[in-house]
């Protein structure tokens, strides 16, 4: 089991022990861990530490404690965060968990199987530019996770409906902001696609006013193909080398001698 990646980054472990379920280890996550990770995608790859308390005030309104958050750290390229957001942007509609008034949202369902016939955990995690949230429904008793009607629970079902109701409530009246619209990574080459032009520019980098300039994809330089090397020709003035003499035939082995004939036997004389 690998304890670290080639660049020295440690694999996932708990209490110093790397689990053997998958090649790079595993670690149990909490709903706040999932919401924290997805918030990094929403912020264009900027990670900010999560916290539970934003402000404490006394009965007279005096602020005793305030946490305005940190500036965060850029932990991934904006293009990478945008690609993840783009990949998750159709899940809500597909799962019938879309938000009210067509609000743009990116999300992902998740299900943990108990066995081939039942589930034990179900998730829905998603975000808008303003908020990231996670819903987990599960059991620690290794029992099937079922609805009141006895049906299996999947991420798009009960967790998805809880997540949908919460997001619609907390975002009611909030400004509808578009999802991050950075240039997407193009294929596996590491190059980025051109920025789009305005609101109709698909997944490009047009601004809200539709005035974005569209840049052409970088022109790929043609690689010169080396010409084929002609087969070597024999100079007719050169004499061919003399043929190699054939090896002499191998002598035949002498015949094996026949075994000697057994001596003649005399039948016994009859008894008078």
Protein backbone atom coordinates (compact mmCIF):
# COMPACT_ATOMS: atom_id res chain seq x y z
CA UNK A 1 0.00 0.00 0.00
CA UNK A 2 1.45 3.35 -1.06
CA UNK A 3 2.07 5.77 1.80
CA UNK A 4 2.79 8.77 -0.43
CA UNK A 5 2.53 9.96 -4.01
CA UNK A 6 5.62 10.34 -6.24
CA UNK A 7 5.85 14.05 -5.36
CA UNK A 8 5.86 13.28 -1.62
CA UNK A 9 2.18 14.07 -0.98
CA UNK A 10 0.90 11.57 1.63
CA UNK A 11 -2.01 9.34 0.71
CA UNK A 12 -5.22 9.50 2.69
CA UNK A 13 -4.95 7.90 6.11
CA UNK A 14 -6.65 7.85 9.48
CA UNK A 15 -4.63 7.84 12.68
CA UNK A 16 -1.55 7.29 10.55
CA UNK A 17 -2.92 4.14 8.92
CA UNK A 18 -3.69 4.05 5.21
CA UNK A 19 -6.84 2.06 4.47
CA UNK A 20 -6.64 -0.59 1.78
CA UNK A 21 -10.01 -0.09 0.12
CA UNK A 22 -8.58 1.92 -2.78
CA UNK A 23 -5.12 2.52 -4.15
CA UNK A 24 -4.58 5.97 -2.59
CA UNK A 25 -6.30 5.19 0.71
CA UNK A 26 -9.61 6.43 2.04
CA UNK A 27 -10.92 8.64 4.81
CA UNK A 28 -14.44 9.12 6.09
CA UNK A 29 -15.86 12.59 5.41
CA UNK A 30 -18.53 14.63 7.16
CA UNK A 31 -21.19 16.79 5.53
CA UNK A 32 -19.18 19.90 6.44
CA UNK A 33 -16.16 18.41 4.65
CA UNK A 34 -18.20 17.94 1.49
CA UNK A 35 -19.72 21.43 1.67
CA UNK A 36 -16.25 22.88 2.28
CA UNK A 37 -14.77 21.12 -0.75
CA UNK A 38 -17.60 22.17 -3.07
CA UNK A 39 -17.33 25.76 -1.82
CA UNK A 40 -13.78 25.74 -3.20
CA UNK A 41 -15.15 24.93 -6.65
CA UNK A 42 -17.72 27.71 -6.32
CA UNK A 43 -14.97 30.20 -5.44
CA UNK A 44 -12.93 29.41 -8.54
CA UNK A 45 -10.42 27.22 -6.73
CA UNK A 46 -9.95 29.46 -3.66
CA UNK A 47 -10.12 27.47 -0.40
CA UNK A 48 -11.26 29.11 2.82
CA UNK A 49 -11.36 27.33 6.21
CA UNK A 50 -14.92 26.58 7.34
CA UNK A 51 -16.24 27.86 10.66
CA UNK A 52 -19.44 27.42 12.66
CA UNK A 53 -19.79 30.82 14.35
CA UNK A 54 -19.74 34.04 12.36
CA UNK A 55 -20.64 36.49 15.14
CA UNK A 56 -21.47 36.71 18.85
CA UNK A 57 -23.26 39.76 20.29
CA UNK A 58 -24.58 40.57 23.76
CA UNK A 59 -28.13 41.63 24.66
CA UNK A 60 -27.32 45.27 23.85
CA UNK A 61 -26.02 44.48 20.38
CA UNK A 62 -22.35 44.84 21.17
CA UNK A 63 -20.33 42.50 18.98
CA UNK A 64 -18.16 40.30 21.16
CA UNK A 65 -16.79 38.11 18.39
CA UNK A 66 -16.81 38.32 14.62
CA UNK A 67 -15.41 36.02 11.96
CA UNK A 68 -15.51 37.61 8.55
CA UNK A 69 -13.67 34.74 6.96
CA UNK A 70 -10.25 34.75 5.38
CA UNK A 71 -9.00 35.78 1.99
CA UNK A 72 -8.38 32.13 1.27
CA UNK A 73 -5.71 30.36 -0.75
CA UNK A 74 -5.73 29.46 -4.43
CA UNK A 75 -5.40 25.68 -4.25
CA UNK A 76 -6.34 24.83 -7.83
CA UNK A 77 -6.37 26.62 -11.14
CA UNK A 78 -9.62 28.51 -11.90
CA UNK A 79 -9.91 26.52 -15.13
CA UNK A 80 -9.90 23.26 -13.18
CA UNK A 81 -12.56 24.50 -10.75
CA UNK A 82 -14.63 25.71 -13.69
CA UNK A 83 -14.37 22.34 -15.42
CA UNK A 84 -15.65 20.59 -12.29
CA UNK A 85 -18.50 23.09 -12.01
CA UNK A 86 -19.40 22.57 -15.65
CA UNK A 87 -19.45 18.78 -15.19
CA UNK A 88 -21.88 19.14 -12.25
CA UNK A 89 -24.17 21.78 -13.75
CA UNK A 90 -26.72 19.37 -15.30
CA UNK A 91 -27.13 16.99 -12.36
CA UNK A 92 -29.96 18.91 -10.63
CA UNK A 93 -32.16 18.97 -13.74
CA UNK A 94 -31.43 15.32 -14.50
CA UNK A 95 -32.31 14.33 -10.91
CA UNK A 96 -35.43 16.55 -10.73
CA UNK A 97 -33.77 18.52 -7.92
CA UNK A 98 -33.47 21.82 -9.81
CA UNK A 99 -33.79 25.08 -7.87
CA UNK A 100 -36.66 27.55 -8.12
CA UNK A 101 -36.87 30.13 -10.91
CA UNK A 102 -34.20 28.40 -12.96
CA UNK A 103 -31.38 29.35 -10.59
CA UNK A 104 -28.03 27.99 -11.79
CA UNK A 105 -26.62 25.33 -9.50
CA UNK A 106 -23.99 22.58 -9.60
CA UNK A 107 -24.43 19.44 -7.52
CA UNK A 108 -23.66 15.74 -7.21
CA UNK A 109 -25.54 12.80 -5.78
CA UNK A 110 -23.87 9.90 -3.99
CA UNK A 111 -24.85 6.47 -2.70
CA UNK A 112 -23.01 3.88 -0.61
CA UNK A 113 -24.10 0.30 -1.12
CA UNK A 114 -24.67 -2.02 1.82
CA UNK A 115 -24.78 -5.09 -0.41
CA UNK A 116 -26.01 -5.98 -3.88
CA UNK A 117 -29.61 -5.34 -2.88
CA UNK A 118 -29.57 -2.33 -0.52
CA UNK A 119 -27.93 1.01 0.29
CA UNK A 120 -26.68 2.39 3.61
CA UNK A 121 -25.77 6.03 2.81
CA UNK A 122 -27.08 8.65 0.40
CA UNK A 123 -25.81 12.18 -0.31
CA UNK A 124 -26.62 15.36 -2.15
CA UNK A 125 -23.97 18.10 -2.26
CA UNK A 126 -24.21 21.26 -4.33
CA UNK A 127 -23.50 24.96 -4.61
CA UNK A 128 -24.34 28.30 -6.15
CA UNK A 129 -21.91 31.23 -6.18
CA UNK A 130 -23.38 32.30 -2.78
CA UNK A 131 -23.64 29.05 -0.82
CA UNK A 132 -22.51 25.44 -0.68
CA UNK A 133 -24.46 22.81 1.26
CA UNK A 134 -24.43 19.05 1.84
CA UNK A 135 -27.13 16.62 2.97
CA UNK A 136 -26.37 13.11 4.25
CA UNK A 137 -28.95 10.46 5.07
CA UNK A 138 -27.58 7.20 6.40
CA UNK A 139 -27.17 4.63 9.13
CA UNK A 140 -24.27 3.31 11.18
CA UNK A 141 -26.05 0.02 11.91
CA UNK A 142 -25.25 -1.70 8.60
CA UNK A 143 -28.95 -1.92 7.88
CA UNK A 144 -30.72 -1.17 4.59
CA UNK A 145 -31.63 2.50 4.15
CA UNK A 146 -35.31 2.53 3.22
CA UNK A 147 -38.15 5.02 2.93
CA UNK A 148 -41.36 4.70 4.94
CA UNK A 149 -42.75 2.78 1.96
CA UNK A 150 -39.85 0.34 2.06
CA UNK A 151 -38.10 1.68 -1.03
CA UNK A 152 -34.36 2.10 -1.45
CA UNK A 153 -32.96 5.59 -0.79
CA UNK A 154 -30.71 7.16 -3.41
CA UNK A 155 -28.92 10.50 -3.42
CA UNK A 156 -31.36 12.08 -5.85
CA UNK A 157 -34.31 10.98 -3.73
CA UNK A 158 -34.73 11.86 -0.06
CA UNK A 159 -31.38 13.69 0.36
CA UNK A 160 -31.95 15.54 -2.91
CA UNK A 161 -35.39 16.75 -1.84
CA UNK A 162 -34.07 17.94 1.55
CA UNK A 163 -31.21 19.76 -0.19
CA UNK A 164 -33.57 21.30 -2.75
CA UNK A 165 -35.98 22.60 -0.09
CA UNK A 166 -33.15 24.08 1.99
CA UNK A 167 -31.43 25.77 -0.96
CA UNK A 168 -34.69 27.27 -2.22
CA UNK A 169 -35.46 28.62 1.27
CA UNK A 170 -32.04 30.11 2.03
CA UNK A 171 -31.72 31.66 -1.44
CA UNK A 172 -35.24 33.08 -1.62
CA UNK A 173 -34.93 36.71 -2.72
CA UNK A 174 -31.17 36.45 -3.30
CA UNK A 175 -29.65 37.65 -6.55
CA UNK A 176 -29.40 35.01 -9.24
CA UNK A 177 -25.72 34.77 -10.07
CA UNK A 178 -24.28 32.70 -12.91
CA UNK A 179 -21.96 29.86 -12.16
CA UNK A 180 -18.22 30.46 -12.70
CA UNK A 181 -17.65 31.02 -16.39
CA UNK A 182 -13.91 30.67 -16.82
CA UNK A 183 -12.31 29.18 -19.91
CA UNK A 184 -12.63 25.43 -19.88
CA UNK A 185 -9.74 23.04 -20.23
CA UNK A 186 -9.74 21.67 -23.76
CA UNK A 187 -9.41 17.92 -23.92
CA UNK A 188 -6.29 16.36 -22.49
CA UNK A 189 -3.80 18.77 -24.07
CA UNK A 190 -3.78 21.25 -21.19
CA UNK A 191 -4.69 24.08 -23.57
CA UNK A 192 -7.75 26.22 -22.88
CA UNK A 193 -10.58 27.00 -25.22
CA UNK A 194 -11.30 30.55 -26.37
CA UNK A 195 -13.46 32.83 -24.26
CA UNK A 196 -17.07 33.19 -25.35
CA UNK A 197 -18.85 36.32 -26.45
CA UNK A 198 -21.55 37.46 -24.07
CA UNK A 199 -24.43 35.67 -22.47
CA UNK A 200 -24.89 33.43 -25.47
CA UNK A 201 -21.26 32.40 -25.53
CA UNK A 202 -21.76 28.95 -24.05
CA UNK A 203 -19.07 28.08 -21.58
CA UNK A 204 -16.63 30.77 -22.61
CA UNK A 205 -15.43 33.77 -20.67
CA UNK A 206 -17.83 36.47 -21.88
CA UNK A 207 -18.81 39.18 -19.39
CA UNK A 208 -22.30 39.88 -18.11
CA UNK A 209 -22.84 42.63 -20.66
CA UNK A 210 -22.19 40.42 -23.63
CA UNK A 211 -19.09 42.31 -24.64
CA UNK A 212 -16.48 39.62 -24.30
CA UNK A 213 -14.01 39.26 -27.12
CA UNK A 214 -13.85 35.85 -28.65
CA UNK A 215 -10.36 34.62 -29.27
CA UNK A 216 -9.66 31.87 -31.71
CA UNK A 217 -8.34 28.57 -30.55
CA UNK A 218 -4.56 28.45 -30.70
CA UNK A 219 -3.39 27.30 -34.10
CA UNK A 220 -1.69 23.99 -33.95
CA UNK A 221 1.69 24.04 -35.66
CA UNK A 222 2.11 21.32 -38.21
CA UNK A 223 4.86 18.89 -37.39
CA UNK A 224 7.16 18.25 -40.36
CA UNK A 225 7.07 14.65 -41.42
CA UNK A 226 10.51 13.27 -42.29
CA UNK A 227 10.78 11.88 -45.79
CA UNK A 228 11.21 8.18 -46.10
CA UNK A 229 14.78 6.94 -46.43
CA UNK A 230 15.25 5.24 -49.84
CA UNK A 231 16.33 1.67 -49.87
CA UNK A 232 20.10 1.31 -50.43
CA UNK A 233 21.10 0.32 -53.96
CA UNK A 234 23.95 -2.00 -54.91
CA UNK A 235 26.71 -0.55 -57.02
CA UNK A 236 26.84 -2.74 -60.16
CA UNK A 237 30.62 -2.31 -60.29
CA UNK A 238 31.01 -4.05 -56.98
CA UNK A 239 31.47 -7.78 -57.22
CA UNK A 240 29.22 -9.92 -55.13
CA UNK A 241 30.95 -11.83 -52.34
CA UNK A 242 31.70 -15.50 -53.09
CA UNK A 243 29.08 -17.93 -51.87
CA UNK A 244 29.72 -19.69 -48.63
CA UNK A 245 30.65 -23.37 -49.11
CA UNK A 246 28.04 -25.88 -48.13
CA UNK A 247 28.89 -27.95 -45.06
CA UNK A 248 29.88 -31.59 -45.74
CA UNK A 249 27.15 -34.15 -45.19
CA UNK A 250 27.03 -35.74 -41.81
CA UNK A 251 28.15 -39.42 -41.86
CA UNK A 252 25.43 -41.98 -41.34
CA UNK A 253 25.70 -43.92 -38.08
CA UNK A 254 26.79 -47.59 -38.43
CA UNK A 255 23.98 -50.14 -38.35
CA UNK A 256 23.19 -51.63 -35.02
CA UNK A 257 24.19 -55.35 -34.82
CA UNK A 258 21.36 -57.88 -34.66
CA UNK A 259 21.04 -59.74 -31.37
CA UNK A 260 22.43 -63.32 -31.46
CA UNK A 261 19.94 -66.13 -31.99
CA UNK A 262 19.15 -68.21 -28.91
CA UNK A 263 20.76 -71.69 -28.79
CA UNK A 264 18.60 -74.60 -29.98
CA UNK A 265 16.74 -76.54 -27.31
CA UNK A 266 16.32 -80.34 -27.25
CA UNK A 267 12.93 -81.59 -26.13
CA UNK A 268 13.07 -84.00 -23.22
CA UNK A 269 13.00 -87.75 -24.01
CA UNK A 270 9.66 -89.48 -23.40
CA UNK A 271 9.36 -91.46 -20.20
CA UNK A 272 9.00 -95.25 -20.76
